[in-house]
Amino acid sequence: DVTAALDEMKDKEVLMIYAVEKVTDAKKRNRLIDAKLILTPHPRFVS
């Protein structure tokens, strides 16, 4: 759901790119624990 919202923000030229760094639990078959969202703004939004 969050990545769908970030894609929408890219379409509106608020974000230039975004990256998702997944934090997984190695003991539980790489189960997703959390994720770090790294957002780079679009130059138009910055101005």
ModelCIF file with pLDDT and N, C-alpha, C, O atoms, coordinates in Angstrom:
data_MODEL
#
_entry.id   MODEL 
#
_entity.id                         1 
_entity.type                       polymer 
_entity.pdbx_number_of_molecules   1 
#
_entity_poly.entity_id                      1 
_entity_poly.type                           'polypeptide(L)' 
_entity_poly.nstd_linkage                   no 
_entity_poly.nstd_monomer                   no 
_entity_poly.pdbx_seq_one_letter_code       DVTAALDEMKDKEVLMIYAVEKVTDAKKRNRLIDAKLILTPHPRFVS 
_entity_poly.pdbx_seq_one_letter_code_can   DVTAALDEMKDKEVLMIYAVEKVTDAKKRNRLIDAKLILTPHPRFVS 
_entity_poly.pdbx_strand_id                 A 
#
loop_
_entity_poly_seq.entity_id 
_entity_poly_seq.num 
_entity_poly_seq.mon_id 
_entity_poly_seq.hetero 
1 1  ASP n 
1 2  VAL n 
1 3  THR n 
1 4  ALA n 
1 5  ALA n 
1 6  LEU n 
1 7  ASP n 
1 8  GLU n 
1 9  MET n 
1 10 LYS n 
1 11 ASP n 
1 12 LYS n 
1 13 GLU n 
1 14 VAL n 
1 15 LEU n 
1 16 MET n 
1 17 ILE n 
1 18 TYR n 
1 19 ALA n 
1 20 VAL n 
1 21 GLU n 
1 22 LYS n 
1 23 VAL n 
1 24 THR n 
1 25 ASP n 
1 26 ALA n 
1 27 LYS n 
1 28 LYS n 
1 29 ARG n 
1 30 ASN n 
1 31 ARG n 
1 32 LEU n 
1 33 ILE n 
1 34 ASP n 
1 35 ALA n 
1 36 LYS n 
1 37 LEU n 
1 38 ILE n 
1 39 LEU n 
1 40 THR n 
1 41 PRO n 
1 42 HIS n 
1 43 PRO n 
1 44 ARG n 
1 45 PHE n 
1 46 VAL n 
1 47 SER n 
#
_struct_asym.id          A 
_struct_asym.entity_id   1 
#
loop_
_ma_qa_metric.id 
_ma_qa_metric.mode 
_ma_qa_metric.name 
_ma_qa_metric.software_group_id 
_ma_qa_metric.type 
1 global pLDDT . pLDDT 
2 local  pLDDT . pLDDT 
#
_ma_qa_metric_global.metric_id      1 
_ma_qa_metric_global.metric_value   90.87 
_ma_qa_metric_global.model_id       1 
_ma_qa_metric_global.ordinal_id     1 
#
loop_
_ma_qa_metric_local.label_asym_id 
_ma_qa_metric_local.label_comp_id 
_ma_qa_metric_local.label_seq_id 
_ma_qa_metric_local.metric_id 
_ma_qa_metric_local.metric_value 
_ma_qa_metric_local.model_id 
_ma_qa_metric_local.ordinal_id 
A ASP 1  2 94.00 1 1  
A VAL 2  2 95.00 1 2  
A THR 3  2 96.00 1 3  
A ALA 4  2 95.00 1 4  
A ALA 5  2 95.00 1 5  
A LEU 6  2 95.00 1 6  
A ASP 7  2 95.00 1 7  
A GLU 8  2 95.00 1 8  
A MET 9  2 93.00 1 9  
A LYS 10 2 94.00 1 10 
A ASP 11 2 93.00 1 11 
A LYS 12 2 91.00 1 12 
A GLU 13 2 89.00 1 13 
A VAL 14 2 89.00 1 14 
A LEU 15 2 91.00 1 15 
A MET 16 2 92.00 1 16 
A ILE 17 2 93.00 1 17 
A TYR 18 2 95.00 1 18 
A ALA 19 2 96.00 1 19 
A VAL 20 2 96.00 1 20 
A GLU 21 2 96.00 1 21 
A LYS 22 2 93.00 1 22 
A VAL 23 2 92.00 1 23 
A THR 24 2 90.00 1 24 
A ASP 25 2 87.00 1 25 
A ALA 26 2 84.00 1 26 
A LYS 27 2 87.00 1 27 
A LYS 28 2 84.00 1 28 
A ARG 29 2 82.00 1 29 
A ASN 30 2 82.00 1 30 
A ARG 31 2 89.00 1 31 
A LEU 32 2 90.00 1 32 
A ILE 33 2 93.00 1 33 
A ASP 34 2 94.00 1 34 
A ALA 35 2 95.00 1 35 
A LYS 36 2 97.00 1 36 
A LEU 37 2 96.00 1 37 
A ILE 38 2 94.00 1 38 
A LEU 39 2 91.00 1 39 
A THR 40 2 90.00 1 40 
A PRO 41 2 89.00 1 41 
A HIS 42 2 88.00 1 42 
A PRO 43 2 87.00 1 43 
A ARG 44 2 87.00 1 44 
A PHE 45 2 83.00 1 45 
A VAL 46 2 81.00 1 46 
A SER 47 2 78.00 1 47 
#
loop_
_atom_site.group_PDB 
_atom_site.id 
_atom_site.type_symbol 
_atom_site.label_atom_id 
_atom_site.label_alt_id 
_atom_site.label_comp_id 
_atom_site.label_asym_id 
_atom_site.label_entity_id 
_atom_site.label_seq_id 
_atom_site.pdbx_PDB_ins_code 
_atom_site.Cartn_x 
_atom_site.Cartn_y 
_atom_site.Cartn_z 
_atom_site.occupancy 
_atom_site.B_iso_or_equiv 
_atom_site.pdbx_formal_charge 
_atom_site.auth_seq_id 
_atom_site.auth_comp_id 
_atom_site.auth_asym_id 
_atom_site.auth_atom_id 
_atom_site.pdbx_PDB_model_num 
ATOM 1   N N  . ASP A 1 1  ? 0.828  -1.210  0.000   1.00 94.00 ? 1  ASP A N  1 
ATOM 2   C CA . ASP A 1 1  ? 0.000  0.000   0.000   1.00 94.00 ? 1  ASP A CA 1 
ATOM 3   C C  . ASP A 1 1  ? 0.862  1.259   0.000   1.00 94.00 ? 1  ASP A C  1 
ATOM 4   O O  . ASP A 1 1  ? 0.559  2.225   -0.701  1.00 94.00 ? 1  ASP A O  1 
ATOM 5   N N  . VAL A 1 2  ? 1.934  1.245   0.787   1.00 95.00 ? 2  VAL A N  1 
ATOM 6   C CA . VAL A 1 2  ? 2.808  2.413   0.872   1.00 95.00 ? 2  VAL A CA 1 
ATOM 7   C C  . VAL A 1 2  ? 3.555  2.626   -0.442  1.00 95.00 ? 2  VAL A C  1 
ATOM 8   O O  . VAL A 1 2  ? 3.696  3.767   -0.882  1.00 95.00 ? 2  VAL A O  1 
ATOM 9   N N  . THR A 1 3  ? 4.034  1.564   -1.075  1.00 96.00 ? 3  THR A N  1 
ATOM 10  C CA . THR A 1 3  ? 4.745  1.735   -2.348  1.00 96.00 ? 3  THR A CA 1 
ATOM 11  C C  . THR A 1 3  ? 3.790  2.209   -3.445  1.00 96.00 ? 3  THR A C  1 
ATOM 12  O O  . THR A 1 3  ? 4.206  2.935   -4.347  1.00 96.00 ? 3  THR A O  1 
ATOM 13  N N  . ALA A 1 4  ? 2.531  1.812   -3.380  1.00 95.00 ? 4  ALA A N  1 
ATOM 14  C CA . ALA A 1 4  ? 1.553  2.317   -4.349  1.00 95.00 ? 4  ALA A CA 1 
ATOM 15  C C  . ALA A 1 4  ? 1.368  3.828   -4.165  1.00 95.00 ? 4  ALA A C  1 
ATOM 16  O O  . ALA A 1 4  ? 1.254  4.564   -5.145  1.00 95.00 ? 4  ALA A O  1 
ATOM 17  N N  . ALA A 1 5  ? 1.340  4.285   -2.922  1.00 95.00 ? 5  ALA A N  1 
ATOM 18  C CA . ALA A 1 5  ? 1.222  5.722   -2.650  1.00 95.00 ? 5  ALA A CA 1 
ATOM 19  C C  . ALA A 1 5  ? 2.473  6.461   -3.119  1.00 95.00 ? 5  ALA A C  1 
ATOM 20  O O  . ALA A 1 5  ? 2.374  7.565   -3.655  1.00 95.00 ? 5  ALA A O  1 
ATOM 21  N N  . LEU A 1 6  ? 3.638  5.869   -2.925  1.00 95.00 ? 6  LEU A N  1 
ATOM 22  C CA . LEU A 1 6  ? 4.881  6.505   -3.369  1.00 95.00 ? 6  LEU A CA 1 
ATOM 23  C C  . LEU A 1 6  ? 4.959  6.565   -4.895  1.00 95.00 ? 6  LEU A C  1 
ATOM 24  O O  . LEU A 1 6  ? 5.488  7.526   -5.453  1.00 95.00 ? 6  LEU A O  1 
ATOM 25  N N  . ASP A 1 7  ? 4.436  5.547   -5.566  1.00 95.00 ? 7  ASP A N  1 
ATOM 26  C CA . ASP A 1 7  ? 4.369  5.590   -7.034  1.00 95.00 ? 7  ASP A CA 1 
ATOM 27  C C  . ASP A 1 7  ? 3.467  6.725   -7.503  1.00 95.00 ? 7  ASP A C  1 
ATOM 28  O O  . ASP A 1 7  ? 3.762  7.395   -8.492  1.00 95.00 ? 7  ASP A O  1 
ATOM 29  N N  . GLU A 1 8  ? 2.375  6.935   -6.792  1.00 95.00 ? 8  GLU A N  1 
ATOM 30  C CA . GLU A 1 8  ? 1.471  8.037   -7.126  1.00 95.00 ? 8  GLU A CA 1 
ATOM 31  C C  . GLU A 1 8  ? 2.181  9.379   -6.941  1.00 95.00 ? 8  GLU A C  1 
ATOM 32  O O  . GLU A 1 8  ? 1.982  10.302  -7.730  1.00 95.00 ? 8  GLU A O  1 
ATOM 33  N N  . MET A 1 9  ? 3.005  9.484   -5.904  1.00 93.00 ? 9  MET A N  1 
ATOM 34  C CA . MET A 1 9  ? 3.749  10.721  -5.669  1.00 93.00 ? 9  MET A CA 1 
ATOM 35  C C  . MET A 1 9  ? 4.807  10.938  -6.751  1.00 93.00 ? 9  MET A C  1 
ATOM 36  O O  . MET A 1 9  ? 5.107  12.079  -7.102  1.00 93.00 ? 9  MET A O  1 
ATOM 37  N N  . LYS A 1 10 ? 5.365  9.866   -7.275  1.00 94.00 ? 10 LYS A N  1 
ATOM 38  C CA . LYS A 1 10 ? 6.304  10.000  -8.395  1.00 94.00 ? 10 LYS A CA 1 
ATOM 39  C C  . LYS A 1 10 ? 5.581  10.524  -9.632  1.00 94.00 ? 10 LYS A C  1 
ATOM 40  O O  . LYS A 1 10 ? 6.120  11.351  -10.368 1.00 94.00 ? 10 LYS A O  1 
ATOM 41  N N  . ASP A 1 11 ? 4.376  10.047  -9.854  1.00 93.00 ? 11 ASP A N  1 
ATOM 42  C CA . ASP A 1 11 ? 3.600  10.512  -11.004 1.00 93.00 ? 11 ASP A CA 1 
ATOM 43  C C  . ASP A 1 11 ? 3.253  11.992  -10.896 1.00 93.00 ? 11 ASP A C  1 
ATOM 44  O O  . ASP A 1 11 ? 3.144  12.679  -11.911 1.00 93.00 ? 11 ASP A O  1 
ATOM 45  N N  . LYS A 1 12 ? 3.078  12.487  -9.668  1.00 91.00 ? 12 LYS A N  1 
ATOM 46  C CA . LYS A 1 12 ? 2.737  13.898  -9.438  1.00 91.00 ? 12 LYS A CA 1 
ATOM 47  C C  . LYS A 1 12 ? 3.976  14.787  -9.320  1.00 91.00 ? 12 LYS A C  1 
ATOM 48  O O  . LYS A 1 12 ? 3.859  15.977  -9.026  1.00 91.00 ? 12 LYS A O  1 
ATOM 49  N N  . GLU A 1 13 ? 5.153  14.221  -9.547  1.00 89.00 ? 13 GLU A N  1 
ATOM 50  C CA . GLU A 1 13 ? 6.442  14.925  -9.497  1.00 89.00 ? 13 GLU A CA 1 
ATOM 51  C C  . GLU A 1 13 ? 6.734  15.533  -8.126  1.00 89.00 ? 13 GLU A C  1 
ATOM 52  O O  . GLU A 1 13 ? 7.254  16.644  -8.025  1.00 89.00 ? 13 GLU A O  1 
ATOM 53  N N  . VAL A 1 14 ? 6.397  14.803  -7.092  1.00 89.00 ? 14 VAL A N  1 
ATOM 54  C CA . VAL A 1 14 ? 6.795  15.174  -5.736  1.00 89.00 ? 14 VAL A CA 1 
ATOM 55  C C  . VAL A 1 14 ? 8.065  14.410  -5.379  1.00 89.00 ? 14 VAL A C  1 
ATOM 56  O O  . VAL A 1 14 ? 8.971  14.953  -4.748  1.00 89.00 ? 14 VAL A O  1 
ATOM 57  N N  . LEU A 1 15 ? 8.121  13.150  -5.788  1.00 91.00 ? 15 LEU A N  1 
ATOM 58  C CA . LEU A 1 15 ? 9.313  12.335  -5.581  1.00 91.00 ? 15 LEU A CA 1 
ATOM 59  C C  . LEU A 1 15 ? 9.970  12.045  -6.920  1.00 91.00 ? 15 LEU A C  1 
ATOM 60  O O  . LEU A 1 15 ? 9.297  11.784  -7.917  1.00 91.00 ? 15 LEU A O  1 
ATOM 61  N N  . MET A 1 16 ? 11.300 12.096  -6.924  1.00 92.00 ? 16 MET A N  1 
ATOM 62  C CA . MET A 1 16 ? 12.035 11.712  -8.121  1.00 92.00 ? 16 MET A CA 1 
ATOM 63  C C  . MET A 1 16 ? 12.221 10.194  -8.125  1.00 92.00 ? 16 MET A C  1 
ATOM 64  O O  . MET A 1 16 ? 11.902 9.519   -9.104  1.00 92.00 ? 16 MET A O  1 
ATOM 65  N N  . ILE A 1 17 ? 12.745 9.669   -7.008  1.00 93.00 ? 17 ILE A N  1 
ATOM 66  C CA . ILE A 1 17 ? 12.901 8.229   -6.841  1.00 93.00 ? 17 ILE A CA 1 
ATOM 67  C C  . ILE A 1 17 ? 12.695 7.880   -5.375  1.00 93.00 ? 17 ILE A C  1 
ATOM 68  O O  . ILE A 1 17 ? 12.739 8.743   -4.498  1.00 93.00 ? 17 ILE A O  1 
ATOM 69  N N  . TYR A 1 18 ? 12.471 6.614   -5.134  1.00 95.00 ? 18 TYR A N  1 
ATOM 70  C CA . TYR A 1 18 ? 12.440 6.115   -3.769  1.00 95.00 ? 18 TYR A CA 1 
ATOM 71  C C  . TYR A 1 18 ? 13.040 4.716   -3.762  1.00 95.00 ? 18 TYR A C  1 
ATOM 72  O O  . TYR A 1 18 ? 13.023 4.005   -4.767  1.00 95.00 ? 18 TYR A O  1 
ATOM 73  N N  . ALA A 1 19 ? 13.569 4.342   -2.608  1.00 96.00 ? 19 ALA A N  1 
ATOM 74  C CA . ALA A 1 19 ? 14.141 3.013   -2.444  1.00 96.00 ? 19 ALA A CA 1 
ATOM 75  C C  . ALA A 1 19 ? 13.580 2.399   -1.167  1.00 96.00 ? 19 ALA A C  1 
ATOM 76  O O  . ALA A 1 19 ? 13.247 3.101   -0.212  1.00 96.00 ? 19 ALA A O  1 
ATOM 77  N N  . VAL A 1 20 ? 13.486 1.086   -1.175  1.00 96.00 ? 20 VAL A N  1 
ATOM 78  C CA . VAL A 1 20 ? 12.995 0.357   -0.013  1.00 96.00 ? 20 VAL A CA 1 
ATOM 79  C C  . VAL A 1 20 ? 14.084 -0.626  0.416   1.00 96.00 ? 20 VAL A C  1 
ATOM 80  O O  . VAL A 1 20 ? 14.472 -1.512  -0.345  1.00 96.00 ? 20 VAL A O  1 
ATOM 81  N N  . GLU A 1 21 ? 14.566 -0.456  1.639   1.00 96.00 ? 21 GLU A N  1 
ATOM 82  C CA . GLU A 1 21 ? 15.530 -1.400  2.212   1.00 96.00 ? 21 GLU A CA 1 
ATOM 83  C C  . GLU A 1 21 ? 14.777 -2.265  3.214   1.00 96.00 ? 21 GLU A C  1 
ATOM 84  O O  . GLU A 1 21 ? 14.353 -1.787  4.266   1.00 96.00 ? 21 GLU A O  1 
ATOM 85  N N  . LYS A 1 22 ? 14.618 -3.529  2.881   1.00 93.00 ? 22 LYS A N  1 
ATOM 86  C CA . LYS A 1 22 ? 13.859 -4.432  3.744   1.00 93.00 ? 22 LYS A CA 1 
ATOM 87  C C  . LYS A 1 22 ? 14.722 -4.930  4.894   1.00 93.00 ? 22 LYS A C  1 
ATOM 88  O O  . LYS A 1 22 ? 15.894 -5.262  4.718   1.00 93.00 ? 22 LYS A O  1 
ATOM 89  N N  . VAL A 1 23 ? 14.114 -4.974  6.077   1.00 92.00 ? 23 VAL A N  1 
ATOM 90  C CA . VAL A 1 23 ? 14.763 -5.523  7.262   1.00 92.00 ? 23 VAL A CA 1 
ATOM 91  C C  . VAL A 1 23 ? 14.081 -6.860  7.527   1.00 92.00 ? 23 VAL A C  1 
ATOM 92  O O  . VAL A 1 23 ? 12.883 -6.916  7.808   1.00 92.00 ? 23 VAL A O  1 
ATOM 93  N N  . THR A 1 24 ? 14.859 -7.935  7.435   1.00 90.00 ? 24 THR A N  1 
ATOM 94  C CA . THR A 1 24 ? 14.289 -9.276  7.572   1.00 90.00 ? 24 THR A CA 1 
ATOM 95  C C  . THR A 1 24 ? 14.868 -9.993  8.781   1.00 90.00 ? 24 THR A C  1 
ATOM 96  O O  . THR A 1 24 ? 15.916 -9.620  9.307   1.00 90.00 ? 24 THR A O  1 
ATOM 97  N N  . ASP A 1 25 ? 14.164 -11.026 9.205   1.00 87.00 ? 25 ASP A N  1 
ATOM 98  C CA . ASP A 1 25 ? 14.599 -11.864 10.314  1.00 87.00 ? 25 ASP A CA 1 
ATOM 99  C C  . ASP A 1 25 ? 15.156 -13.154 9.730   1.00 87.00 ? 25 ASP A C  1 
ATOM 100 O O  . ASP A 1 25 ? 14.410 -13.956 9.168   1.00 87.00 ? 25 ASP A O  1 
ATOM 101 N N  . ALA A 1 26 ? 16.452 -13.354 9.861   1.00 84.00 ? 26 ALA A N  1 
ATOM 102 C CA . ALA A 1 26 ? 17.101 -14.532 9.281   1.00 84.00 ? 26 ALA A CA 1 
ATOM 103 C C  . ALA A 1 26 ? 16.672 -15.821 9.972   1.00 84.00 ? 26 ALA A C  1 
ATOM 104 O O  . ALA A 1 26 ? 16.713 -16.890 9.362   1.00 84.00 ? 26 ALA A O  1 
ATOM 105 N N  . LYS A 1 27 ? 16.266 -15.739 11.219  1.00 87.00 ? 27 LYS A N  1 
ATOM 106 C CA . LYS A 1 27 ? 15.872 -16.939 11.964  1.00 87.00 ? 27 LYS A CA 1 
ATOM 107 C C  . LYS A 1 27 ? 14.509 -17.465 11.543  1.00 87.00 ? 27 LYS A C  1 
ATOM 108 O O  . LYS A 1 27 ? 14.210 -18.647 11.713  1.00 87.00 ? 27 LYS A O  1 
ATOM 109 N N  . LYS A 1 28 ? 13.686 -16.582 10.996  1.00 84.00 ? 28 LYS A N  1 
ATOM 110 C CA . LYS A 1 28 ? 12.329 -16.988 10.609  1.00 84.00 ? 28 LYS A CA 1 
ATOM 111 C C  . LYS A 1 28 ? 12.154 -16.942 9.103   1.00 84.00 ? 28 LYS A C  1 
ATOM 112 O O  . LYS A 1 28 ? 11.214 -16.325 8.600   1.00 84.00 ? 28 LYS A O  1 
ATOM 113 N N  . ARG A 1 29 ? 13.047 -17.585 8.389   1.00 82.00 ? 29 ARG A N  1 
ATOM 114 C CA . ARG A 1 29 ? 12.966 -17.731 6.936   1.00 82.00 ? 29 ARG A CA 1 
ATOM 115 C C  . ARG A 1 29 ? 12.843 -16.386 6.229   1.00 82.00 ? 29 ARG A C  1 
ATOM 116 O O  . ARG A 1 29 ? 12.034 -16.231 5.314   1.00 82.00 ? 29 ARG A O  1 
ATOM 117 N N  . ASN A 1 30 ? 13.651 -15.412 6.659   1.00 82.00 ? 30 ASN A N  1 
ATOM 118 C CA . ASN A 1 30 ? 13.696 -14.087 6.051   1.00 82.00 ? 30 ASN A CA 1 
ATOM 119 C C  . ASN A 1 30 ? 12.346 -13.376 6.079   1.00 82.00 ? 30 ASN A C  1 
ATOM 120 O O  . ASN A 1 30 ? 11.959 -12.728 5.106   1.00 82.00 ? 30 ASN A O  1 
ATOM 121 N N  . ARG A 1 31 ? 11.647 -13.496 7.174   1.00 89.00 ? 31 ARG A N  1 
ATOM 122 C CA . ARG A 1 31 ? 10.363 -12.815 7.338   1.00 89.00 ? 31 ARG A CA 1 
ATOM 123 C C  . ARG A 1 31 ? 10.593 -11.309 7.453   1.00 89.00 ? 31 ARG A C  1 
ATOM 124 O O  . ARG A 1 31 ? 11.520 -10.870 8.134   1.00 89.00 ? 31 ARG A O  1 
ATOM 125 N N  . LEU A 1 32 ? 9.765  -10.535 6.801   1.00 90.00 ? 32 LEU A N  1 
ATOM 126 C CA . LEU A 1 32 ? 9.878  -9.080  6.809   1.00 90.00 ? 32 LEU A CA 1 
ATOM 127 C C  . LEU A 1 32 ? 9.519  -8.535  8.192   1.00 90.00 ? 32 LEU A C  1 
ATOM 128 O O  . LEU A 1 32 ? 8.415  -8.755  8.691   1.00 90.00 ? 32 LEU A O  1 
ATOM 129 N N  . ILE A 1 33 ? 10.469 -7.820  8.801   1.00 93.00 ? 33 ILE A N  1 
ATOM 130 C CA . ILE A 1 33 ? 10.251 -7.229  10.118  1.00 93.00 ? 33 ILE A CA 1 
ATOM 131 C C  . ILE A 1 33 ? 9.871  -5.762  9.975   1.00 93.00 ? 33 ILE A C  1 
ATOM 132 O O  . ILE A 1 33 ? 8.948  -5.284  10.635  1.00 93.00 ? 33 ILE A O  1 
ATOM 133 N N  . ASP A 1 34 ? 10.591 -5.049  9.106   1.00 94.00 ? 34 ASP A N  1 
ATOM 134 C CA . ASP A 1 34 ? 10.367 -3.629  8.891   1.00 94.00 ? 34 ASP A CA 1 
ATOM 135 C C  . ASP A 1 34 ? 10.992 -3.278  7.551   1.00 94.00 ? 34 ASP A C  1 
ATOM 136 O O  . ASP A 1 34 ? 11.626 -4.117  6.911   1.00 94.00 ? 34 ASP A O  1 
ATOM 137 N N  . ALA A 1 35 ? 10.809 -2.036  7.132   1.00 95.00 ? 35 ALA A N  1 
ATOM 138 C CA . ALA A 1 35 ? 11.412 -1.567  5.891   1.00 95.00 ? 35 ALA A CA 1 
ATOM 139 C C  . ALA A 1 35 ? 11.765 -0.098  6.047   1.00 95.00 ? 35 ALA A C  1 
ATOM 140 O O  . ALA A 1 35 ? 11.022 0.676   6.651   1.00 95.00 ? 35 ALA A O  1 
ATOM 141 N N  . LYS A 1 36 ? 12.902 0.269   5.497   1.00 97.00 ? 36 LYS A N  1 
ATOM 142 C CA . LYS A 1 36 ? 13.348 1.656   5.529   1.00 97.00 ? 36 LYS A CA 1 
ATOM 143 C C  . LYS A 1 36 ? 13.044 2.270   4.170   1.00 97.00 ? 36 LYS A C  1 
ATOM 144 O O  . LYS A 1 36 ? 13.491 1.765   3.140   1.00 97.00 ? 36 LYS A O  1 
ATOM 145 N N  . LEU A 1 37 ? 12.287 3.358   4.169   1.00 96.00 ? 37 LEU A N  1 
ATOM 146 C CA . LEU A 1 37 ? 11.920 4.048   2.939   1.00 96.00 ? 37 LEU A CA 1 
ATOM 147 C C  . LEU A 1 37 ? 12.842 5.248   2.771   1.00 96.00 ? 37 LEU A C  1 
ATOM 148 O O  . LEU A 1 37 ? 12.916 6.111   3.645   1.00 96.00 ? 37 LEU A O  1 
ATOM 149 N N  . ILE A 1 38 ? 13.535 5.297   1.656   1.00 94.00 ? 38 ILE A N  1 
ATOM 150 C CA . ILE A 1 38 ? 14.457 6.389   1.363   1.00 94.00 ? 38 ILE A CA 1 
ATOM 151 C C  . ILE A 1 38 ? 13.873 7.160   0.187   1.00 94.00 ? 38 ILE A C  1 
ATOM 152 O O  . ILE A 1 38 ? 13.800 6.645   -0.928  1.00 94.00 ? 38 ILE A O  1 
ATOM 153 N N  . LEU A 1 39 ? 13.457 8.399   0.443   1.00 91.00 ? 39 LEU A N  1 
ATOM 154 C CA . LEU A 1 39 ? 12.754 9.206   -0.547  1.00 91.00 ? 39 LEU A CA 1 
ATOM 155 C C  . LEU A 1 39 ? 13.655 10.330  -1.044  1.00 91.00 ? 39 LEU A C  1 
ATOM 156 O O  . LEU A 1 39 ? 14.264 11.045  -0.248  1.00 91.00 ? 39 LEU A O  1 
ATOM 157 N N  . THR A 1 40 ? 13.736 10.481  -2.352  1.00 90.00 ? 40 THR A N  1 
ATOM 158 C CA . THR A 1 40 ? 14.477 11.580  -2.966  1.00 90.00 ? 40 THR A CA 1 
ATOM 159 C C  . THR A 1 40 ? 13.465 12.496  -3.637  1.00 90.00 ? 40 THR A C  1 
ATOM 160 O O  . THR A 1 40 ? 12.741 12.062  -4.533  1.00 90.00 ? 40 THR A O  1 
ATOM 161 N N  . PRO A 1 41 ? 13.401 13.755  -3.219  1.00 89.00 ? 41 PRO A N  1 
ATOM 162 C CA . PRO A 1 41 ? 12.378 14.658  -3.747  1.00 89.00 ? 41 PRO A CA 1 
ATOM 163 C C  . PRO A 1 41 ? 12.672 15.094  -5.178  1.00 89.00 ? 41 PRO A C  1 
ATOM 164 O O  . PRO A 1 41 ? 13.817 15.074  -5.629  1.00 89.00 ? 41 PRO A O  1 
ATOM 165 N N  . HIS A 1 42 ? 11.637 15.478  -5.864  1.00 88.00 ? 42 HIS A N  1 
ATOM 166 C CA . HIS A 1 42 ? 11.746 16.018  -7.216  1.00 88.00 ? 42 HIS A CA 1 
ATOM 167 C C  . HIS A 1 42 ? 12.225 17.472  -7.118  1.00 88.00 ? 42 HIS A C  1 
ATOM 168 O O  . HIS A 1 42 ? 11.857 18.168  -6.172  1.00 88.00 ? 42 HIS A O  1 
ATOM 169 N N  . PRO A 1 43 ? 13.031 17.942  -8.067  1.00 87.00 ? 43 PRO A N  1 
ATOM 170 C CA . PRO A 1 43 ? 13.513 19.339  -8.001  1.00 87.00 ? 43 PRO A CA 1 
ATOM 171 C C  . PRO A 1 43 ? 12.392 20.374  -7.914  1.00 87.00 ? 43 PRO A C  1 
ATOM 172 O O  . PRO A 1 43 ? 12.552 21.413  -7.273  1.00 87.00 ? 43 PRO A O  1 
ATOM 173 N N  . ARG A 1 44 ? 11.275 20.094  -8.549  1.00 87.00 ? 44 ARG A N  1 
ATOM 174 C CA . ARG A 1 44 ? 10.139 21.028  -8.480  1.00 87.00 ? 44 ARG A CA 1 
ATOM 175 C C  . ARG A 1 44 ? 9.591  21.114  -7.056  1.00 87.00 ? 44 ARG A C  1 
ATOM 176 O O  . ARG A 1 44 ? 9.266  22.200  -6.577  1.00 87.00 ? 44 ARG A O  1 
ATOM 177 N N  . PHE A 1 45 ? 9.490  19.978  -6.392  1.00 83.00 ? 45 PHE A N  1 
ATOM 178 C CA . PHE A 1 45 ? 9.029  19.965  -5.006  1.00 83.00 ? 45 PHE A CA 1 
ATOM 179 C C  . PHE A 1 45 ? 10.027 20.673  -4.095  1.00 83.00 ? 45 PHE A C  1 
ATOM 180 O O  . PHE A 1 45 ? 9.629  21.389  -3.176  1.00 83.00 ? 45 PHE A O  1 
ATOM 181 N N  . VAL A 1 46 ? 11.316 20.478  -4.344  1.00 81.00 ? 46 VAL A N  1 
ATOM 182 C CA . VAL A 1 46 ? 12.356 21.124  -3.536  1.00 81.00 ? 46 VAL A CA 1 
ATOM 183 C C  . VAL A 1 46 ? 12.236 22.648  -3.642  1.00 81.00 ? 46 VAL A C  1 
ATOM 184 O O  . VAL A 1 46 ? 12.319 23.355  -2.638  1.00 81.00 ? 46 VAL A O  1 
ATOM 185 N N  . SER A 1 47 ? 12.038 23.147  -4.875  1.00 78.00 ? 47 SER A N  1 
ATOM 186 C CA . SER A 1 47 ? 11.922 24.596  -5.041  1.00 78.00 ? 47 SER A CA 1 
ATOM 187 C C  . SER A 1 47 ? 10.683 25.133  -4.335  1.00 78.00 ? 47 SER A C  1 
ATOM 188 O O  . SER A 1 47 ? 10.425 26.336  -4.369  1.00 78.00 ? 47 SER A O  1 
#
